[in-house]
Amino acid sequence: MHAFDVLGDPVRRRILELLAEGEQTSGAITGVIRAEFGISQPAVSQHLRVLRDNGFATVRPIGARRLYAVDDTALREADAWLARFRRFWAPHLAAMATEVARGKRQRRLADEGKHDD
């Protein structure tokens, strides 16, 4: 399965967001995903398996529990594929950062001017 096929599913993206916060038990992941998406525990397990089988997550057994974590292998591969397209958005992001900084500076100067009165 291609990395973007894996990431195309909102449940799997949400699981990765949870794992980006740190290692999580399968029970904790299931609790959040069931509450947010209303899917069954077996369906969550299937999503975890897809992430694991495609290099996005690792699992570590601790007794009866399973701890999941992000595996950056597939993420690095997706990032490498996206690298050829960065030139299309990188200049726009840099320009936006400049405008944000300019706005912050103008607000700061305006606030300093108010205190001079």
N, C-alpha and C. Protein backbone atom coordinates (compact mmCIF):
# COMPACT_ATOMS: atom_id res chain seq x y z
N MET A 1 0.85 -1.17 0.00
CA MET A 1 0.00 0.00 0.00
C MET A 1 0.90 1.24 0.00
N HIS A 2 0.59 2.20 -0.86
CA HIS A 2 1.37 3.44 -0.95
C HIS A 2 1.15 4.28 0.31
N ALA A 3 2.15 5.01 0.70
CA ALA A 3 2.07 5.83 1.92
C ALA A 3 0.87 6.75 1.91
N PHE A 4 0.55 7.34 0.77
CA PHE A 4 -0.56 8.28 0.73
C PHE A 4 -1.91 7.57 0.77
N ASP A 5 -1.95 6.30 0.38
CA ASP A 5 -3.16 5.50 0.57
C ASP A 5 -3.39 5.28 2.06
N VAL A 6 -2.31 4.99 2.77
CA VAL A 6 -2.40 4.80 4.23
C VAL A 6 -2.83 6.10 4.90
N LEU A 7 -2.18 7.20 4.52
CA LEU A 7 -2.47 8.49 5.15
C LEU A 7 -3.78 9.11 4.68
N GLY A 8 -4.35 8.58 3.61
CA GLY A 8 -5.60 9.11 3.09
C GLY A 8 -6.79 8.84 3.99
N ASP A 9 -6.66 7.92 4.91
CA ASP A 9 -7.76 7.59 5.80
C ASP A 9 -7.72 8.47 7.05
N PRO A 10 -8.82 9.16 7.37
CA PRO A 10 -8.81 10.07 8.52
C PRO A 10 -8.60 9.36 9.86
N VAL A 11 -9.04 8.12 9.98
CA VAL A 11 -8.83 7.38 11.23
C VAL A 11 -7.34 7.12 11.43
N ARG A 12 -6.68 6.69 10.38
CA ARG A 12 -5.24 6.41 10.50
C ARG A 12 -4.45 7.69 10.74
N ARG A 13 -4.86 8.79 10.09
CA ARG A 13 -4.18 10.07 10.37
C ARG A 13 -4.35 10.45 11.84
N ARG A 14 -5.54 10.26 12.38
CA ARG A 14 -5.78 10.61 13.78
C ARG A 14 -4.96 9.72 14.71
N ILE A 15 -4.87 8.44 14.40
CA ILE A 15 -4.04 7.54 15.21
C ILE A 15 -2.59 8.03 15.19
N LEU A 16 -2.08 8.42 14.03
CA LEU A 16 -0.71 8.93 13.96
C LEU A 16 -0.56 10.21 14.79
N GLU A 17 -1.58 11.08 14.78
CA GLU A 17 -1.53 12.28 15.61
C GLU A 17 -1.41 11.90 17.09
N LEU A 18 -2.17 10.90 17.51
CA LEU A 18 -2.08 10.43 18.90
C LEU A 18 -0.70 9.88 19.20
N LEU A 19 -0.16 9.10 18.27
CA LEU A 19 1.16 8.51 18.49
C LEU A 19 2.27 9.56 18.46
N ALA A 20 2.05 10.65 17.73
CA ALA A 20 3.06 11.72 17.69
C ALA A 20 3.22 12.35 19.07
N GLU A 21 2.22 12.23 19.93
CA GLU A 21 2.31 12.75 21.30
C GLU A 21 3.13 11.85 22.19
N GLY A 22 3.39 10.63 21.75
CA GLY A 22 4.17 9.67 22.53
C GLY A 22 3.55 8.29 22.46
N GLU A 23 4.28 7.34 22.96
CA GLU A 23 3.83 5.95 22.94
C GLU A 23 2.46 5.82 23.61
N GLN A 24 1.59 5.02 23.01
CA GLN A 24 0.22 4.86 23.50
C GLN A 24 -0.14 3.38 23.57
N THR A 25 -0.94 3.02 24.55
CA THR A 25 -1.45 1.65 24.59
C THR A 25 -2.55 1.50 23.54
N SER A 26 -2.75 0.27 23.10
CA SER A 26 -3.81 0.04 22.13
C SER A 26 -5.16 0.40 22.74
N GLY A 27 -5.33 0.18 24.04
CA GLY A 27 -6.58 0.54 24.71
C GLY A 27 -6.84 2.03 24.70
N ALA A 28 -5.80 2.82 24.95
CA ALA A 28 -5.95 4.28 24.94
C ALA A 28 -6.29 4.77 23.54
N ILE A 29 -5.62 4.23 22.54
CA ILE A 29 -5.89 4.61 21.15
C ILE A 29 -7.33 4.24 20.79
N THR A 30 -7.71 3.03 21.13
CA THR A 30 -9.06 2.56 20.83
C THR A 30 -10.11 3.45 21.49
N GLY A 31 -9.88 3.83 22.74
CA GLY A 31 -10.84 4.69 23.43
C GLY A 31 -11.06 6.01 22.72
N VAL A 32 -9.99 6.65 22.31
CA VAL A 32 -10.10 7.94 21.62
C VAL A 32 -10.77 7.76 20.26
N ILE A 33 -10.33 6.78 19.50
CA ILE A 33 -10.85 6.58 18.14
C ILE A 33 -12.32 6.17 18.18
N ARG A 34 -12.69 5.32 19.11
CA ARG A 34 -14.11 4.92 19.22
C ARG A 34 -14.97 6.13 19.56
N ALA A 35 -14.48 6.99 20.45
CA ALA A 35 -15.25 8.17 20.85
C ALA A 35 -15.38 9.17 19.70
N GLU A 36 -14.31 9.34 18.94
CA GLU A 36 -14.31 10.35 17.87
C GLU A 36 -14.93 9.86 16.57
N PHE A 37 -14.79 8.57 16.27
CA PHE A 37 -15.25 8.06 14.97
C PHE A 37 -16.39 7.06 15.08
N GLY A 38 -16.64 6.57 16.30
CA GLY A 38 -17.74 5.62 16.49
C GLY A 38 -17.52 4.27 15.83
N ILE A 39 -16.26 3.84 15.74
CA ILE A 39 -15.99 2.53 15.13
C ILE A 39 -15.63 1.52 16.22
N SER A 40 -15.71 0.25 15.87
CA SER A 40 -15.50 -0.83 16.83
C SER A 40 -14.02 -1.04 17.15
N GLN A 41 -13.78 -1.75 18.23
CA GLN A 41 -12.41 -2.09 18.61
C GLN A 41 -11.72 -2.91 17.53
N PRO A 42 -12.38 -3.91 16.92
CA PRO A 42 -11.71 -4.64 15.83
C PRO A 42 -11.35 -3.73 14.65
N ALA A 43 -12.18 -2.74 14.37
CA ALA A 43 -11.86 -1.82 13.26
C ALA A 43 -10.64 -0.98 13.61
N VAL A 44 -10.54 -0.54 14.86
CA VAL A 44 -9.35 0.22 15.29
C VAL A 44 -8.12 -0.67 15.18
N SER A 45 -8.24 -1.91 15.60
CA SER A 45 -7.12 -2.85 15.51
C SER A 45 -6.67 -3.02 14.06
N GLN A 46 -7.62 -3.06 13.14
CA GLN A 46 -7.27 -3.19 11.72
C GLN A 46 -6.49 -1.97 11.24
N HIS A 47 -6.90 -0.78 11.65
CA HIS A 47 -6.18 0.45 11.28
C HIS A 47 -4.76 0.43 11.86
N LEU A 48 -4.64 -0.03 13.10
CA LEU A 48 -3.31 -0.13 13.71
C LEU A 48 -2.44 -1.12 12.93
N ARG A 49 -3.03 -2.21 12.49
CA ARG A 49 -2.29 -3.20 11.70
C ARG A 49 -1.81 -2.59 10.38
N VAL A 50 -2.68 -1.84 9.71
CA VAL A 50 -2.29 -1.19 8.45
C VAL A 50 -1.11 -0.25 8.69
N LEU A 51 -1.18 0.53 9.76
CA LEU A 51 -0.08 1.46 10.09
C LEU A 51 1.21 0.69 10.37
N ARG A 52 1.09 -0.38 11.12
CA ARG A 52 2.26 -1.19 11.47
C ARG A 52 2.83 -1.88 10.23
N ASP A 53 1.98 -2.50 9.43
CA ASP A 53 2.44 -3.25 8.26
C ASP A 53 3.06 -2.36 7.18
N ASN A 54 2.73 -1.08 7.21
CA ASN A 54 3.22 -0.16 6.17
C ASN A 54 4.30 0.80 6.68
N GLY A 55 4.87 0.52 7.85
CA GLY A 55 6.02 1.27 8.34
C GLY A 55 5.71 2.59 9.01
N PHE A 56 4.46 2.79 9.46
CA PHE A 56 4.10 4.04 10.14
C PHE A 56 4.08 3.90 11.66
N ALA A 57 3.98 2.67 12.14
CA ALA A 57 3.89 2.46 13.59
C ALA A 57 4.64 1.19 13.98
N THR A 58 5.08 1.19 15.21
CA THR A 58 5.69 -0.01 15.79
C THR A 58 4.84 -0.43 16.98
N VAL A 59 4.94 -1.67 17.35
CA VAL A 59 4.24 -2.17 18.52
C VAL A 59 5.23 -2.89 19.41
N ARG A 60 5.05 -2.69 20.71
CA ARG A 60 5.94 -3.30 21.70
C ARG A 60 5.07 -3.95 22.76
N PRO A 61 5.13 -5.29 22.88
CA PRO A 61 4.31 -5.95 23.90
C PRO A 61 4.92 -5.77 25.29
N ILE A 62 4.06 -5.43 26.24
CA ILE A 62 4.44 -5.37 27.65
C ILE A 62 3.38 -6.19 28.39
N GLY A 63 3.71 -7.43 28.69
CA GLY A 63 2.71 -8.32 29.28
C GLY A 63 1.55 -8.48 28.31
N ALA A 64 0.34 -8.23 28.80
CA ALA A 64 -0.86 -8.36 27.96
C ALA A 64 -1.13 -7.08 27.16
N ARG A 65 -0.41 -6.02 27.47
CA ARG A 65 -0.64 -4.74 26.79
C ARG A 65 0.23 -4.62 25.55
N ARG A 66 -0.22 -3.79 24.62
CA ARG A 66 0.54 -3.48 23.42
C ARG A 66 0.74 -1.98 23.38
N LEU A 67 2.00 -1.55 23.27
CA LEU A 67 2.33 -0.13 23.20
C LEU A 67 2.72 0.21 21.77
N TYR A 68 2.04 1.21 21.23
CA TYR A 68 2.30 1.65 19.86
C TYR A 68 3.07 2.96 19.88
N ALA A 69 3.91 3.13 18.87
CA ALA A 69 4.69 4.36 18.71
C ALA A 69 4.83 4.64 17.21
N VAL A 70 5.17 5.88 16.89
CA VAL A 70 5.41 6.25 15.50
C VAL A 70 6.70 5.59 15.02
N ASP A 71 6.64 5.03 13.83
CA ASP A 71 7.82 4.56 13.13
C ASP A 71 8.01 5.54 11.97
N ASP A 72 9.11 6.23 11.94
CA ASP A 72 9.28 7.29 10.94
C ASP A 72 9.74 6.79 9.57
N THR A 73 9.87 5.49 9.39
CA THR A 73 10.34 4.96 8.12
C THR A 73 9.47 5.40 6.95
N ALA A 74 8.19 5.11 7.00
CA ALA A 74 7.29 5.47 5.90
C ALA A 74 7.09 6.98 5.81
N LEU A 75 7.14 7.66 6.95
CA LEU A 75 7.00 9.12 6.93
C LEU A 75 8.18 9.76 6.20
N ARG A 76 9.38 9.23 6.42
CA ARG A 76 10.55 9.75 5.72
C ARG A 76 10.44 9.49 4.22
N GLU A 77 9.92 8.33 3.84
CA GLU A 77 9.73 8.02 2.42
C GLU A 77 8.71 8.96 1.79
N ALA A 78 7.62 9.25 2.49
CA ALA A 78 6.61 10.19 1.98
C ALA A 78 7.20 11.59 1.86
N ASP A 79 7.99 11.97 2.84
CA ASP A 79 8.63 13.28 2.82
C ASP A 79 9.60 13.39 1.63
N ALA A 80 10.33 12.33 1.38
CA ALA A 80 11.25 12.33 0.23
C ALA A 80 10.49 12.46 -1.07
N TRP A 81 9.35 11.81 -1.19
CA TRP A 81 8.55 11.91 -2.41
C TRP A 81 8.02 13.33 -2.57
N LEU A 82 7.60 13.95 -1.46
CA LEU A 82 7.08 15.32 -1.51
C LEU A 82 8.16 16.36 -1.80
N ALA A 83 9.41 16.02 -1.57
CA ALA A 83 10.50 16.99 -1.72
C ALA A 83 10.52 17.65 -3.09
N ARG A 84 10.20 16.90 -4.12
CA ARG A 84 10.22 17.48 -5.47
C ARG A 84 9.14 18.53 -5.69
N PHE A 85 8.15 18.58 -4.80
CA PHE A 85 7.05 19.53 -4.94
C PHE A 85 7.17 20.74 -4.01
N ARG A 86 8.11 20.70 -3.08
CA ARG A 86 8.24 21.79 -2.10
C ARG A 86 8.45 23.14 -2.75
N ARG A 87 9.09 23.16 -3.89
CA ARG A 87 9.36 24.43 -4.57
C ARG A 87 8.07 25.16 -4.92
N PHE A 88 6.95 24.44 -4.98
CA PHE A 88 5.68 25.08 -5.31
C PHE A 88 5.08 25.83 -4.13
N TRP A 89 5.36 25.36 -2.91
CA TRP A 89 4.76 26.05 -1.76
C TRP A 89 5.76 26.70 -0.83
N ALA A 90 7.01 26.32 -0.87
CA ALA A 90 8.00 26.89 0.05
C ALA A 90 8.13 28.41 -0.08
N PRO A 91 8.20 28.98 -1.28
CA PRO A 91 8.30 30.45 -1.38
C PRO A 91 7.06 31.15 -0.80
N HIS A 92 5.90 30.54 -0.99
CA HIS A 92 4.68 31.13 -0.45
C HIS A 92 4.68 31.11 1.07
N LEU A 93 5.17 30.01 1.64
CA LEU A 93 5.25 29.92 3.10
C LEU A 93 6.27 30.91 3.65
N ALA A 94 7.38 31.07 2.96
CA ALA A 94 8.39 32.04 3.39
C ALA A 94 7.82 33.45 3.34
N ALA A 95 7.08 33.76 2.27
CA ALA A 95 6.47 35.10 2.16
C ALA A 95 5.44 35.30 3.26
N MET A 96 4.68 34.27 3.58
CA MET A 96 3.70 34.39 4.65
C MET A 96 4.40 34.62 6.00
N ALA A 97 5.49 33.93 6.24
CA ALA A 97 6.24 34.11 7.49
C ALA A 97 6.75 35.55 7.60
N THR A 98 7.19 36.10 6.49
CA THR A 98 7.66 37.49 6.47
C THR A 98 6.52 38.44 6.83
N GLU A 99 5.35 38.21 6.25
CA GLU A 99 4.19 39.07 6.52
C GLU A 99 3.73 38.94 7.98
N VAL A 100 3.76 37.75 8.51
CA VAL A 100 3.40 37.55 9.92
C VAL A 100 4.37 38.30 10.82
N ALA A 101 5.66 38.18 10.54
CA ALA A 101 6.68 38.89 11.33
C ALA A 101 6.49 40.40 11.21
N ARG A 102 6.19 40.88 10.01
CA ARG A 102 5.97 42.31 9.80
C ARG A 102 4.76 42.79 10.62
N GLY A 103 3.69 42.01 10.61
CA GLY A 103 2.50 42.36 11.38
C GLY A 103 2.78 42.39 12.88
N LYS A 104 3.53 41.43 13.38
CA LYS A 104 3.89 41.40 14.80
C LYS A 104 4.72 42.63 15.15
N ARG A 105 5.66 42.97 14.28
CA ARG A 105 6.51 44.14 14.54
C ARG A 105 5.66 45.41 14.57
N GLN A 106 4.74 45.55 13.63
CA GLN A 106 3.88 46.73 13.58
C GLN A 106 3.00 46.82 14.83
N ARG A 107 2.47 45.69 15.29
CA ARG A 107 1.66 45.69 16.52
C ARG A 107 2.50 46.07 17.73
N ARG A 108 3.73 45.53 17.78
CA ARG A 108 4.61 45.84 18.90
C ARG A 108 4.94 47.33 18.93
N LEU A 109 5.26 47.89 17.75
CA LEU A 109 5.57 49.32 17.68
C LEU A 109 4.35 50.17 18.04
N ALA A 110 3.18 49.74 17.61
CA ALA A 110 1.95 50.46 17.94
C ALA A 110 1.69 50.42 19.45
N ASP A 111 1.93 49.25 20.05
CA ASP A 111 1.74 49.11 21.51
C ASP A 111 2.75 49.98 22.26
N GLU A 112 3.99 50.03 21.78
CA GLU A 112 5.02 50.86 22.42
C GLU A 112 4.63 52.35 22.31
N GLY A 113 4.05 52.72 21.17
CA GLY A 113 3.62 54.11 20.97
C GLY A 113 2.50 54.50 21.93
N LYS A 114 1.65 53.55 22.27
CA LYS A 114 0.55 53.82 23.21
C LYS A 114 1.08 54.10 24.61
N HIS A 115 2.17 53.47 24.96
CA HIS A 115 2.74 53.64 26.30
C HIS A 115 3.55 54.92 26.44
N ASP A 116 3.87 55.55 25.32
CA ASP A 116 4.64 56.80 25.34
C ASP A 116 3.78 58.00 25.73
N ASP A 117 2.46 57.84 25.68
CA ASP A 117 1.55 58.97 25.97
C ASP A 117 1.56 59.36 27.40
